[in-house]
């Protein structure tokens, strides 16, 4: 269901992802978190005072909670999906690295996934 009103300045909702990419099922992904850390190389002088540093991109990882479709199983480890989280970066491909399937009495079925960016 769409918003009753949105002046265009408020981002809301979640997103869908197709796993595996282009041939798989489409899941609604909730509680998405993407981490883009850095690795820091530090340099000190002869008495240990900071004299420089370099920050290089670390491995991009993330997690999400997927709403289960009635006739679909959870994604399989190693399956890939493509999504754009940041318009400046563009579309990225991610690999499912962990899957858990908690079940709750009187609750909708969801599964939790962790994923890592595919670099090659």
C-alpha atoms as a PDB file:
ATOM      1  CA  UNK A   1       0.000   0.000   0.000  1.00  0.00           C
ATOM      2  CA  UNK A   2       1.331   3.424  -0.905  1.00  0.00           C
ATOM      3  CA  UNK A   3       1.585   6.368   1.457  1.00  0.00           C
ATOM      4  CA  UNK A   4      -1.491   8.600   1.685  1.00  0.00           C
ATOM      5  CA  UNK A   5       0.819  11.571   1.161  1.00  0.00           C
ATOM      6  CA  UNK A   6       4.554  12.061   0.702  1.00  0.00           C
ATOM      7  CA  UNK A   7       6.004  15.408  -0.297  1.00  0.00           C
ATOM      8  CA  UNK A   8       8.996  13.629  -1.798  1.00  0.00           C
ATOM      9  CA  UNK A   9      11.428  14.454   0.978  1.00  0.00           C
ATOM     10  CA  UNK A  10      10.863  11.421   3.200  1.00  0.00           C
ATOM     11  CA  UNK A  11      12.339   8.036   2.350  1.00  0.00           C
ATOM     12  CA  UNK A  12      10.294   5.213   3.798  1.00  0.00           C
ATOM     13  CA  UNK A  13       9.618   1.528   3.448  1.00  0.00           C
ATOM     14  CA  UNK A  14      11.908  -1.325   2.631  1.00  0.00           C
ATOM     15  CA  UNK A  15      13.008  -2.900  -0.618  1.00  0.00           C
ATOM     16  CA  UNK A  16      12.728  -6.154  -2.499  1.00  0.00           C
ATOM     17  CA  UNK A  17      15.614  -8.394  -3.507  1.00  0.00           C
ATOM     18  CA  UNK A  18      15.641 -11.271  -5.965  1.00  0.00           C
ATOM     19  CA  UNK A  19      17.671 -14.262  -4.762  1.00  0.00           C
ATOM     20  CA  UNK A  20      19.339 -15.729  -6.735  1.00  0.00           C
ATOM     21  CA  UNK A  21      19.745 -12.733  -9.026  1.00  0.00           C
ATOM     22  CA  UNK A  22      17.560 -12.694 -12.170  1.00  0.00           C
ATOM     23  CA  UNK A  23      16.172 -16.231 -11.740  1.00  0.00           C
ATOM     24  CA  UNK A  24      15.129 -16.449  -8.114  1.00  0.00           C
ATOM     25  CA  UNK A  25      12.278 -15.521  -5.848  1.00  0.00           C
ATOM     26  CA  UNK A  26      11.605 -11.937  -4.824  1.00  0.00           C
ATOM     27  CA  UNK A  27      11.744 -11.336  -1.078  1.00  0.00           C
ATOM     28  CA  UNK A  28      10.768  -8.246   0.896  1.00  0.00           C
ATOM     29  CA  UNK A  29      13.890  -7.352   2.870  1.00  0.00           C
ATOM     30  CA  UNK A  30      13.412  -5.668   6.253  1.00  0.00           C
ATOM     31  CA  UNK A  31      15.940  -4.294   8.738  1.00  0.00           C
ATOM     32  CA  UNK A  32      18.713  -4.048   6.165  1.00  0.00           C
ATOM     33  CA  UNK A  33      22.102  -2.968   7.448  1.00  0.00           C
ATOM     34  CA  UNK A  34      25.126  -2.480   5.197  1.00  0.00           C
ATOM     35  CA  UNK A  35      28.581  -1.863   6.669  1.00  0.00           C
ATOM     36  CA  UNK A  36      31.337  -0.126   4.687  1.00  0.00           C
ATOM     37  CA  UNK A  37      34.318  -0.114   7.062  1.00  0.00           C
ATOM     38  CA  UNK A  38      37.887   1.004   6.481  1.00  0.00           C
ATOM     39  CA  UNK A  39      41.235  -0.537   7.328  1.00  0.00           C
ATOM     40  CA  UNK A  40      43.575   1.994   8.901  1.00  0.00           C
ATOM     41  CA  UNK A  41      47.351   2.016   8.423  1.00  0.00           C
ATOM     42  CA  UNK A  42      48.984   4.257  11.000  1.00  0.00           C
ATOM     43  CA  UNK A  43      52.457   5.752  10.996  1.00  0.00           C
ATOM     44  CA  UNK A  44      54.279   7.187  13.999  1.00  0.00           C
ATOM     45  CA  UNK A  45      57.533   9.072  14.416  1.00  0.00           C
ATOM     46  CA  UNK A  46      60.561   7.996  16.459  1.00  0.00           C
ATOM     47  CA  UNK A  47      58.799   8.656  19.786  1.00  0.00           C
ATOM     48  CA  UNK A  48      55.472   7.159  18.855  1.00  0.00           C
ATOM     49  CA  UNK A  49      53.572  10.330  17.988  1.00  0.00           C
ATOM     50  CA  UNK A  50      51.188  10.115  15.038  1.00  0.00           C
ATOM     51  CA  UNK A  51      52.755  11.317  11.788  1.00  0.00           C
ATOM     52  CA  UNK A  52      50.355   9.970   9.182  1.00  0.00           C
ATOM     53  CA  UNK A  53      47.672   7.526   8.287  1.00  0.00           C
ATOM     54  CA  UNK A  54      46.056   5.828   5.338  1.00  0.00           C
ATOM     55  CA  UNK A  55      42.465   4.620   5.186  1.00  0.00           C
ATOM     56  CA  UNK A  56      41.588   1.965   2.640  1.00  0.00           C
ATOM     57  CA  UNK A  57      38.191   0.427   2.016  1.00  0.00           C
ATOM     58  CA  UNK A  58      37.450  -2.747   3.957  1.00  0.00           C
ATOM     59  CA  UNK A  59      35.130  -5.604   3.028  1.00  0.00           C
ATOM     60  CA  UNK A  60      31.492  -4.570   2.565  1.00  0.00           C
ATOM     61  CA  UNK A  61      29.132  -6.778   4.579  1.00  0.00           C
ATOM     62  CA  UNK A  62      25.510  -6.643   5.581  1.00  0.00           C
ATOM     63  CA  UNK A  63      22.471  -8.299   7.028  1.00  0.00           C
ATOM     64  CA  UNK A  64      18.735  -8.332   6.419  1.00  0.00           C
ATOM     65  CA  UNK A  65      15.556 -10.052   7.501  1.00  0.00           C
ATOM     66  CA  UNK A  66      13.595 -11.568   4.612  1.00  0.00           C
ATOM     67  CA  UNK A  67       9.853 -12.125   4.644  1.00  0.00           C
ATOM     68  CA  UNK A  68       9.204 -15.710   3.574  1.00  0.00           C
ATOM     69  CA  UNK A  69       6.931 -16.293   0.598  1.00  0.00           C
ATOM     70  CA  UNK A  70       4.360 -19.048   1.247  1.00  0.00           C
ATOM     71  CA  UNK A  71       5.785 -21.573  -1.212  1.00  0.00           C
ATOM     72  CA  UNK A  72       9.464 -20.604  -1.052  1.00  0.00           C
ATOM     73  CA  UNK A  73      12.418 -21.836   0.942  1.00  0.00           C
ATOM     74  CA  UNK A  74      15.021 -19.539   2.437  1.00  0.00           C
ATOM     75  CA  UNK A  75      17.961 -18.519   0.240  1.00  0.00           C
ATOM     76  CA  UNK A  76      20.830 -20.986  -0.012  1.00  0.00           C
ATOM     77  CA  UNK A  77      24.374 -20.192   1.087  1.00  0.00           C
ATOM     78  CA  UNK A  78      26.393 -18.858  -1.832  1.00  0.00           C
ATOM     79  CA  UNK A  79      23.436 -17.500  -3.794  1.00  0.00           C
ATOM     80  CA  UNK A  80      23.930 -14.016  -5.197  1.00  0.00           C
ATOM     81  CA  UNK A  81      21.748 -10.946  -5.540  1.00  0.00           C
ATOM     82  CA  UNK A  82      22.266  -7.504  -7.027  1.00  0.00           C
ATOM     83  CA  UNK A  83      20.982  -4.298  -5.448  1.00  0.00           C
ATOM     84  CA  UNK A  84      21.728  -0.588  -5.348  1.00  0.00           C
ATOM     85  CA  UNK A  85      22.076   0.671  -1.773  1.00  0.00           C
ATOM     86  CA  UNK A  86      23.891   3.868  -2.763  1.00  0.00           C
ATOM     87  CA  UNK A  87      23.146   5.648  -6.055  1.00  0.00           C
ATOM     88  CA  UNK A  88      26.695   7.048  -6.224  1.00  0.00           C
ATOM     89  CA  UNK A  89      28.197   3.542  -6.043  1.00  0.00           C
ATOM     90  CA  UNK A  90      25.543   1.933  -8.249  1.00  0.00           C
ATOM     91  CA  UNK A  91      24.494  -1.695  -8.417  1.00  0.00           C
ATOM     92  CA  UNK A  92      26.551  -4.153  -6.383  1.00  0.00           C
ATOM     93  CA  UNK A  93      26.444  -7.944  -6.244  1.00  0.00           C
ATOM     94  CA  UNK A  94      26.341  -9.659  -2.859  1.00  0.00           C
ATOM     95  CA  UNK A  95      26.787 -13.297  -1.786  1.00  0.00           C
ATOM     96  CA  UNK A  96      24.614 -14.885   0.920  1.00  0.00           C
ATOM     97  CA  UNK A  97      27.092 -15.949   3.626  1.00  0.00           C
ATOM     98  CA  UNK A  98      24.778 -16.965   6.486  1.00  0.00           C
ATOM     99  CA  UNK A  99      21.123 -17.983   6.840  1.00  0.00           C
ATOM    100  CA  UNK A 100      19.074 -18.508   9.990  1.00  0.00           C
ATOM    101  CA  UNK A 101      15.389 -19.344  10.195  1.00  0.00           C
ATOM    102  CA  UNK A 102      13.812 -18.405  13.510  1.00  0.00           C
ATOM    103  CA  UNK A 103      10.146 -19.267  13.913  1.00  0.00           C
ATOM    104  CA  UNK A 104       7.765 -17.466  16.219  1.00  0.00           C
ATOM    105  CA  UNK A 105       4.379 -18.588  17.467  1.00  0.00           C
ATOM    106  CA  UNK A 106       1.675 -16.371  15.950  1.00  0.00           C
ATOM    107  CA  UNK A 107       4.220 -14.524  13.819  1.00  0.00           C
ATOM    108  CA  UNK A 108       4.976 -14.317  10.135  1.00  0.00           C
ATOM    109  CA  UNK A 109       7.830 -16.476   8.862  1.00  0.00           C
ATOM    110  CA  UNK A 110      11.052 -14.628   8.174  1.00  0.00           C
ATOM    111  CA  UNK A 111      14.656 -15.621   7.764  1.00  0.00           C
ATOM    112  CA  UNK A 112      17.787 -13.692   8.642  1.00  0.00           C
ATOM    113  CA  UNK A 113      20.642 -13.472   6.159  1.00  0.00           C
ATOM    114  CA  UNK A 114      24.130 -12.067   6.217  1.00  0.00           C
ATOM    115  CA  UNK A 115      25.879 -11.156   2.992  1.00  0.00           C
ATOM    116  CA  UNK A 116      29.233 -10.012   1.621  1.00  0.00           C
ATOM    117  CA  UNK A 117      30.022  -7.963  -1.455  1.00  0.00           C
ATOM    118  CA  UNK A 118      31.312  -9.907  -4.465  1.00  0.00           C
ATOM    119  CA  UNK A 119      34.531  -8.324  -5.759  1.00  0.00           C
ATOM    120  CA  UNK A 120      35.454 -10.542  -8.720  1.00  0.00           C
END
